[in-house]
N, C-alpha and C. Protein backbone atom coordinates (compact mmCIF):
# COMPACT_ATOMS: atom_id res chain seq x y z
N UNK A 1 0.64 -1.44 -0.18
CA UNK A 1 0.01 -0.08 0.16
C UNK A 1 1.09 1.14 0.10
N UNK A 2 1.15 2.20 -0.92
CA UNK A 2 1.69 3.60 -1.09
C UNK A 2 0.76 4.50 -0.09
N UNK A 3 1.27 4.74 0.79
CA UNK A 3 0.60 5.80 1.61
C UNK A 3 1.62 7.08 1.54
N UNK A 4 1.10 8.49 1.17
CA UNK A 4 1.74 9.93 1.13
C UNK A 4 2.44 10.24 1.40
N UNK A 5 3.37 10.15 1.28
CA UNK A 5 4.06 11.01 2.14
C UNK A 5 4.20 12.19 3.07
N UNK A 6 3.34 13.07 2.64
CA UNK A 6 3.49 14.36 3.09
C UNK A 6 1.97 14.24 4.20
N UNK A 7 1.98 13.13 4.89
CA UNK A 7 0.81 12.47 5.87
C UNK A 7 1.59 12.40 7.22
N UNK A 8 1.25 13.13 8.35
CA UNK A 8 1.47 12.97 9.78
C UNK A 8 1.69 11.09 9.68
N UNK A 9 2.78 11.64 10.86
CA UNK A 9 2.83 9.67 11.07
C UNK A 9 1.62 9.21 11.94
N UNK A 10 0.93 10.13 12.44
CA UNK A 10 -0.40 9.95 12.98
C UNK A 10 -1.87 9.54 11.76
N UNK A 11 -1.45 10.17 11.48
CA UNK A 11 -2.50 10.12 9.80
C UNK A 11 -1.99 8.90 8.90
N UNK A 12 -1.08 8.60 9.00
CA UNK A 12 -0.32 7.40 8.07
C UNK A 12 -1.18 6.05 9.08
N UNK A 13 -1.08 5.68 10.37
CA UNK A 13 -1.80 5.42 11.80
C UNK A 13 -2.89 5.21 11.14
N UNK A 14 -3.61 5.94 10.98
CA UNK A 14 -5.06 5.68 10.93
C UNK A 14 -5.45 5.35 9.27
N UNK A 15 -4.70 5.46 8.30
CA UNK A 15 -4.75 5.17 6.77
C UNK A 15 -4.54 3.27 7.46
N UNK A 16 -3.54 3.23 7.49
CA UNK A 16 -3.26 1.83 7.63
C UNK A 16 -3.72 1.27 8.86
N UNK A 17 -4.34 1.92 9.61
CA UNK A 17 -5.92 0.83 10.72
C UNK A 17 -7.28 1.18 9.70
N UNK A 18 -7.47 1.82 8.99
CA UNK A 18 -8.84 1.95 8.40
C UNK A 18 -8.59 0.76 7.39
N UNK A 19 -7.52 0.89 6.62
CA UNK A 19 -7.12 -0.03 5.35
C UNK A 19 -7.19 -1.52 6.03
N UNK A 20 -6.70 -1.85 7.11
CA UNK A 20 -6.67 -3.13 7.47
C UNK A 20 -8.25 -3.43 8.27
N UNK A 21 -8.69 -2.84 8.02
CA UNK A 21 -10.64 -3.04 8.37
C UNK A 21 -10.20 -2.60 9.81
N UNK A 22 -9.55 -2.14 11.01
CA UNK A 22 -9.31 -2.48 12.37
C UNK A 22 -9.80 -1.23 13.30
N UNK A 23 -11.11 -1.65 13.97
CA UNK A 23 -11.45 -0.42 14.53
C UNK A 23 -10.61 -0.01 15.55
N UNK A 24 -10.49 1.56 16.29
CA UNK A 24 -9.42 1.96 16.99
C UNK A 24 -9.61 1.36 18.05
N UNK A 25 -10.53 0.74 19.04
CA UNK A 25 -10.75 0.27 20.10
C UNK A 25 -9.36 -1.40 19.66
N UNK A 26 -9.28 -1.70 19.11
CA UNK A 26 -8.75 -2.96 18.66
C UNK A 26 -7.80 -2.74 18.55
N UNK A 27 -7.35 -1.63 17.75
CA UNK A 27 -5.13 -1.22 17.68
C UNK A 27 -5.05 -0.85 18.72
N UNK A 28 -5.56 -0.26 19.71
CA UNK A 28 -5.18 0.51 20.97
C UNK A 28 -5.07 -0.92 21.52
N UNK A 29 -5.91 -1.96 21.55
CA UNK A 29 -6.23 -2.94 22.67
C UNK A 29 -4.84 -3.80 22.27
N UNK A 30 -4.66 -3.77 21.45
CA UNK A 30 -2.98 -4.68 20.80
C UNK A 30 -1.86 -4.33 21.54
N UNK A 31 -2.13 -2.82 21.87
CA UNK A 31 -1.26 -1.97 22.48
C UNK A 31 -1.14 -1.68 23.56
N UNK A 32 -1.90 -2.48 24.22
CA UNK A 32 -2.36 -2.22 25.90
C UNK A 32 -2.58 -0.76 25.93
N UNK A 33 -3.15 -0.11 25.41
CA UNK A 33 -3.88 1.33 25.10
C UNK A 33 -5.46 1.77 25.12
N UNK A 34 -5.80 2.46 25.57
CA UNK A 34 -6.99 2.71 25.05
C UNK A 34 -7.45 3.33 23.69
N UNK A 35 -8.76 3.39 23.32
CA UNK A 35 -8.86 4.31 22.36
C UNK A 35 -8.91 5.82 22.04
N UNK A 36 -8.68 6.43 23.23
CA UNK A 36 -8.75 7.68 23.29
C UNK A 36 -7.08 7.91 23.01
N UNK A 37 -6.44 6.84 23.64
CA UNK A 37 -4.78 7.80 23.53
C UNK A 37 -4.59 7.44 21.72
N UNK A 38 -4.81 6.33 21.22
CA UNK A 38 -4.50 6.25 19.82
C UNK A 38 -5.95 7.53 18.75
N UNK A 39 -6.82 7.93 19.49
CA UNK A 39 -7.40 8.92 18.49
C UNK A 39 -6.13 10.07 18.69
N UNK A 40 -5.99 10.43 19.74
CA UNK A 40 -4.88 12.10 20.30
C UNK A 40 -3.70 11.19 19.31
N UNK A 41 -2.63 10.47 18.90
CA UNK A 41 -2.18 9.89 18.35
C UNK A 41 -2.18 10.04 16.75
N UNK A 42 -3.32 9.75 16.15
CA UNK A 42 -4.14 9.80 14.94
C UNK A 42 -3.90 11.21 14.48
N UNK A 43 -5.04 11.97 15.69
CA UNK A 43 -4.94 13.91 14.80
C UNK A 43 -3.45 14.37 15.44
N UNK A 44 -2.98 14.03 16.45
CA UNK A 44 -2.02 14.65 16.43
C UNK A 44 -1.80 15.57 17.61
N UNK A 45 -2.93 14.88 18.19
CA UNK A 45 -2.90 15.78 19.62
C UNK A 45 -2.08 15.24 20.90
N UNK A 46 -1.25 14.31 20.37
CA UNK A 46 -0.34 13.62 21.13
C UNK A 46 0.58 13.17 20.55
N UNK A 47 1.74 13.16 20.78
CA UNK A 47 3.16 12.70 19.77
C UNK A 47 3.68 11.13 20.18
N UNK A 48 3.88 10.85 19.32
CA UNK A 48 4.40 9.21 19.93
C UNK A 48 5.38 9.18 20.03
N UNK A 49 6.35 9.17 21.25
CA UNK A 49 7.99 9.51 21.44
C UNK A 49 8.64 7.87 21.74
N UNK A 50 7.62 6.93 22.55
CA UNK A 50 7.60 5.43 22.79
C UNK A 50 8.42 4.66 21.86
N UNK A 51 9.75 4.05 21.31
CA UNK A 51 10.03 3.73 20.25
C UNK A 51 9.42 1.88 20.29
N UNK A 52 9.28 1.67 21.88
CA UNK A 52 8.14 0.02 21.72
C UNK A 52 6.94 0.06 21.45
N UNK A 53 6.29 1.24 21.74
CA UNK A 53 4.57 1.64 21.49
C UNK A 53 4.85 1.50 19.75
N UNK A 54 5.79 2.39 19.25
CA UNK A 54 5.98 2.46 17.38
C UNK A 54 6.04 1.11 17.24
N UNK A 55 7.12 0.15 17.81
CA UNK A 55 6.81 -1.39 17.09
C UNK A 55 5.67 -1.96 17.59
N UNK A 56 4.97 -1.44 18.68
CA UNK A 56 4.29 -2.07 18.28
C UNK A 56 2.99 -2.05 18.02
N UNK A 57 2.65 -0.52 17.87
CA UNK A 57 1.37 -0.30 16.49
C UNK A 57 2.22 -0.88 15.00
N UNK A 58 3.60 -0.42 14.89
CA UNK A 58 3.44 -1.53 13.46
C UNK A 58 3.48 -2.91 13.47
N UNK A 59 3.76 -4.08 14.70
CA UNK A 59 3.57 -5.24 14.53
C UNK A 59 2.10 -5.65 14.16
N UNK A 60 1.38 -4.79 14.95
CA UNK A 60 -0.23 -4.99 14.95
C UNK A 60 -0.87 -4.58 13.35
N UNK A 61 -0.36 -3.55 12.36
CA UNK A 61 -0.56 -3.10 11.74
C UNK A 61 0.32 -3.95 10.75
N UNK A 62 0.50 -5.36 11.13
CA UNK A 62 1.78 -5.89 9.85
C UNK A 62 2.40 -5.13 9.02
N UNK A 63 2.69 -4.07 9.64
CA UNK A 63 3.93 -3.29 8.98
C UNK A 63 5.10 -3.82 8.74
N UNK A 64 5.48 -3.89 8.06
CA UNK A 64 7.72 -4.81 7.72
C UNK A 64 8.60 -4.29 8.44
N UNK A 65 8.27 -2.18 8.11
CA UNK A 65 9.58 -1.68 7.99
C UNK A 65 8.85 -0.22 8.97
N UNK A 66 9.60 0.12 9.46
CA UNK A 66 8.75 1.55 10.68
C UNK A 66 8.95 2.69 9.64
N UNK A 67 9.61 2.66 8.91
CA UNK A 67 9.38 4.06 7.72
C UNK A 67 8.32 4.10 7.42
N UNK A 68 7.66 3.18 7.10
CA UNK A 68 6.75 3.39 6.50
C UNK A 68 5.31 3.88 7.43
N UNK A 69 5.75 3.88 8.67
CA UNK A 69 5.04 5.14 9.43
C UNK A 69 5.88 6.06 9.82
N UNK A 70 6.70 6.17 9.67
CA UNK A 70 7.88 7.22 10.57
C UNK A 70 7.89 8.80 9.79
N UNK A 71 7.75 7.54 7.85
CA UNK A 71 8.35 8.13 7.24
C UNK A 71 9.86 8.61 6.54
N UNK A 72 10.81 7.91 7.87
CA UNK A 72 12.28 8.44 7.26
C UNK A 72 12.60 7.22 6.21
N UNK A 73 14.37 7.42 6.13
CA UNK A 73 14.62 7.25 5.33
C UNK A 73 15.49 5.66 5.55
N UNK A 74 15.32 6.20 7.08
CA UNK A 74 16.33 4.68 7.93
C UNK A 74 15.53 3.76 8.21
N UNK A 75 15.50 2.45 7.20
CA UNK A 75 14.96 1.03 7.13
C UNK A 75 15.44 0.73 8.65
N UNK A 76 14.33 0.57 9.24
CA UNK A 76 13.98 -0.63 10.71
C UNK A 76 12.70 -1.71 10.65
N UNK A 77 13.55 -2.71 10.62
CA UNK A 77 12.59 -4.06 10.50
C UNK A 77 11.52 -4.10 11.71
N UNK A 78 10.71 -4.23 11.44
CA UNK A 78 9.45 -4.93 12.20
C UNK A 78 9.36 -6.51 12.29
N UNK A 79 9.57 -7.06 13.90
CA UNK A 79 9.13 -8.32 13.95
C UNK A 79 7.74 -8.50 13.79
N UNK A 80 7.34 -9.09 12.78
CA UNK A 80 6.12 -9.81 12.52
C UNK A 80 5.61 -10.95 13.23
N UNK A 81 4.02 -11.64 13.18
CA UNK A 81 4.21 -12.73 13.75
C UNK A 81 3.21 -12.28 15.15
N UNK A 82 3.25 -13.29 16.32
CA UNK A 82 2.94 -12.80 17.28
C UNK A 82 3.73 -11.80 17.76
N UNK A 83 2.11 -11.35 18.31
CA UNK A 83 2.63 -9.54 19.21
C UNK A 83 3.11 -10.49 20.28
N UNK A 84 4.50 -9.50 20.44
CA UNK A 84 5.56 -9.53 21.69
C UNK A 84 4.83 -8.93 23.08
N UNK A 85 5.61 -9.45 23.92
CA UNK A 85 5.30 -9.24 25.56
C UNK A 85 5.27 -7.21 25.47
N UNK A 86 5.96 -6.57 24.14
CA UNK A 86 6.56 -5.35 24.68
C UNK A 86 4.87 -4.74 24.18
N UNK A 87 3.92 -5.49 23.38
CA UNK A 87 2.55 -4.71 23.10
C UNK A 87 1.78 -5.67 23.53
N UNK A 88 1.32 -6.69 24.49
CA UNK A 88 0.86 -6.36 25.99
C UNK A 88 1.09 -6.82 27.30
N UNK A 89 0.89 -6.38 28.02
CA UNK A 89 0.89 -6.76 29.53
C UNK A 89 0.21 -7.78 29.78
N UNK A 90 0.96 -8.34 30.82
CA UNK A 90 0.04 -9.41 31.48
C UNK A 90 -1.06 -8.65 32.70
N UNK A 91 -1.33 -7.87 32.98
CA UNK A 91 -1.62 -6.70 34.11
C UNK A 91 -3.24 -6.42 33.30
N UNK A 92 -3.03 -5.89 32.59
CA UNK A 92 -4.40 -4.87 31.49
C UNK A 92 -4.49 -5.19 30.45
N UNK A 93 -5.74 -5.31 29.41
CA UNK A 93 -5.66 -5.00 28.05
C UNK A 93 -7.04 -4.79 28.21
N UNK A 94 -7.47 -4.37 26.74
CA UNK A 94 -9.10 -3.66 26.27
C UNK A 94 -9.51 -4.82 25.56
N UNK A 95 -10.95 -5.24 25.99
CA UNK A 95 -11.47 -6.43 25.58
C UNK A 95 -11.97 -5.51 23.87
N UNK A 96 -12.56 -6.97 23.66
CA UNK A 96 -13.04 -6.31 22.18
C UNK A 96 -14.03 -5.67 22.43
N UNK A 97 -15.09 -5.20 23.08
CA UNK A 97 -16.31 -4.72 23.55
C UNK A 97 -15.82 -3.24 24.14
N UNK A 98 -14.64 -2.94 24.06
CA UNK A 98 -13.79 -1.56 24.81
C UNK A 98 -14.02 -1.63 26.22
N UNK A 99 -14.26 -2.81 26.96
CA UNK A 99 -13.72 -2.46 28.08
C UNK A 99 -12.34 -2.84 28.78
N UNK A 100 -12.24 -1.94 29.87
CA UNK A 100 -11.05 -2.60 30.41
C UNK A 100 -11.04 -4.00 31.41
N UNK A 101 -10.14 -4.99 30.50
CA UNK A 101 -9.90 -5.53 31.40
C UNK A 101 -8.60 -6.53 32.10
N UNK A 102 -8.69 -6.83 33.32
CA UNK A 102 -7.46 -6.46 34.48
C UNK A 102 -7.36 -7.84 34.69
N UNK A 103 -5.62 -8.56 34.36
CA UNK A 103 -5.42 -9.92 34.19
C UNK A 103 -4.65 -10.28 35.44
N UNK A 104 -4.89 -11.24 36.15
CA UNK A 104 -4.09 -11.24 37.43
C UNK A 104 -3.18 -12.10 37.17
N UNK A 105 -1.82 -11.94 37.31
CA UNK A 105 -0.87 -12.79 37.24
C UNK A 105 0.13 -13.02 38.22
N UNK A 106 0.41 -14.62 38.17
CA UNK A 106 1.30 -14.92 39.12
C UNK A 106 0.50 -14.99 40.83
N UNK A 107 1.09 -15.38 41.51
CA UNK A 107 0.97 -16.01 42.99
C UNK A 107 -0.06 -16.66 43.28
N UNK A 108 -0.10 -17.91 43.91
CA UNK A 108 -0.68 -18.62 44.83
C UNK A 108 -2.18 -19.04 44.15
N UNK A 109 -2.16 -19.87 42.95
CA UNK A 109 -3.12 -20.02 42.73
C UNK A 109 -4.32 -18.91 41.82
N UNK A 110 -4.33 -17.73 41.55
CA UNK A 110 -4.26 -16.86 40.99
C UNK A 110 -4.06 -16.90 39.31
N UNK A 111 -3.14 -17.42 38.88
CA UNK A 111 -2.72 -17.34 37.54
C UNK A 111 -3.91 -17.06 36.35
N UNK A 112 -3.67 -16.24 35.47
CA UNK A 112 -4.23 -16.22 34.67
C UNK A 112 -6.67 -16.30 34.88
N UNK A 113 -6.64 -15.67 35.53
CA UNK A 113 -8.21 -15.06 36.39
C UNK A 113 -7.92 -13.74 35.87
N UNK A 114 -9.24 -13.37 35.36
CA UNK A 114 -9.09 -11.96 35.46
C UNK A 114 -10.36 -11.28 35.76
N UNK A 115 -10.67 -9.95 35.51
CA UNK A 115 -11.35 -9.20 36.67
C UNK A 115 -11.40 -8.45 35.57
N UNK A 116 -13.19 -7.90 35.84
CA UNK A 116 -13.35 -6.68 34.68
C UNK A 116 -13.75 -5.71 36.03
């Protein structure tokens, strides 16, 4: 997919997300963030300074190289496949219906239990 170079990083993320048929809550959830956070990134209201979150977004969008989002001439491969731990926390995440899900990890019989 060719993305116009004049778009901001946030606009490129939005174009990629929409081209893949992903909703804001789904993409944000894959990065363990809320949809409001992603909206601010996409609209330029908030800068995306975290390299880890940038990689998480790129992986979730199945973008092979960060330059597709950043617009730089420097090639930075994105590890694709299963989302890595940089994208998901074992503590909380966003369910497909947009509600926050907290997972209790570790400790005396609590492994893998979820609370809402």
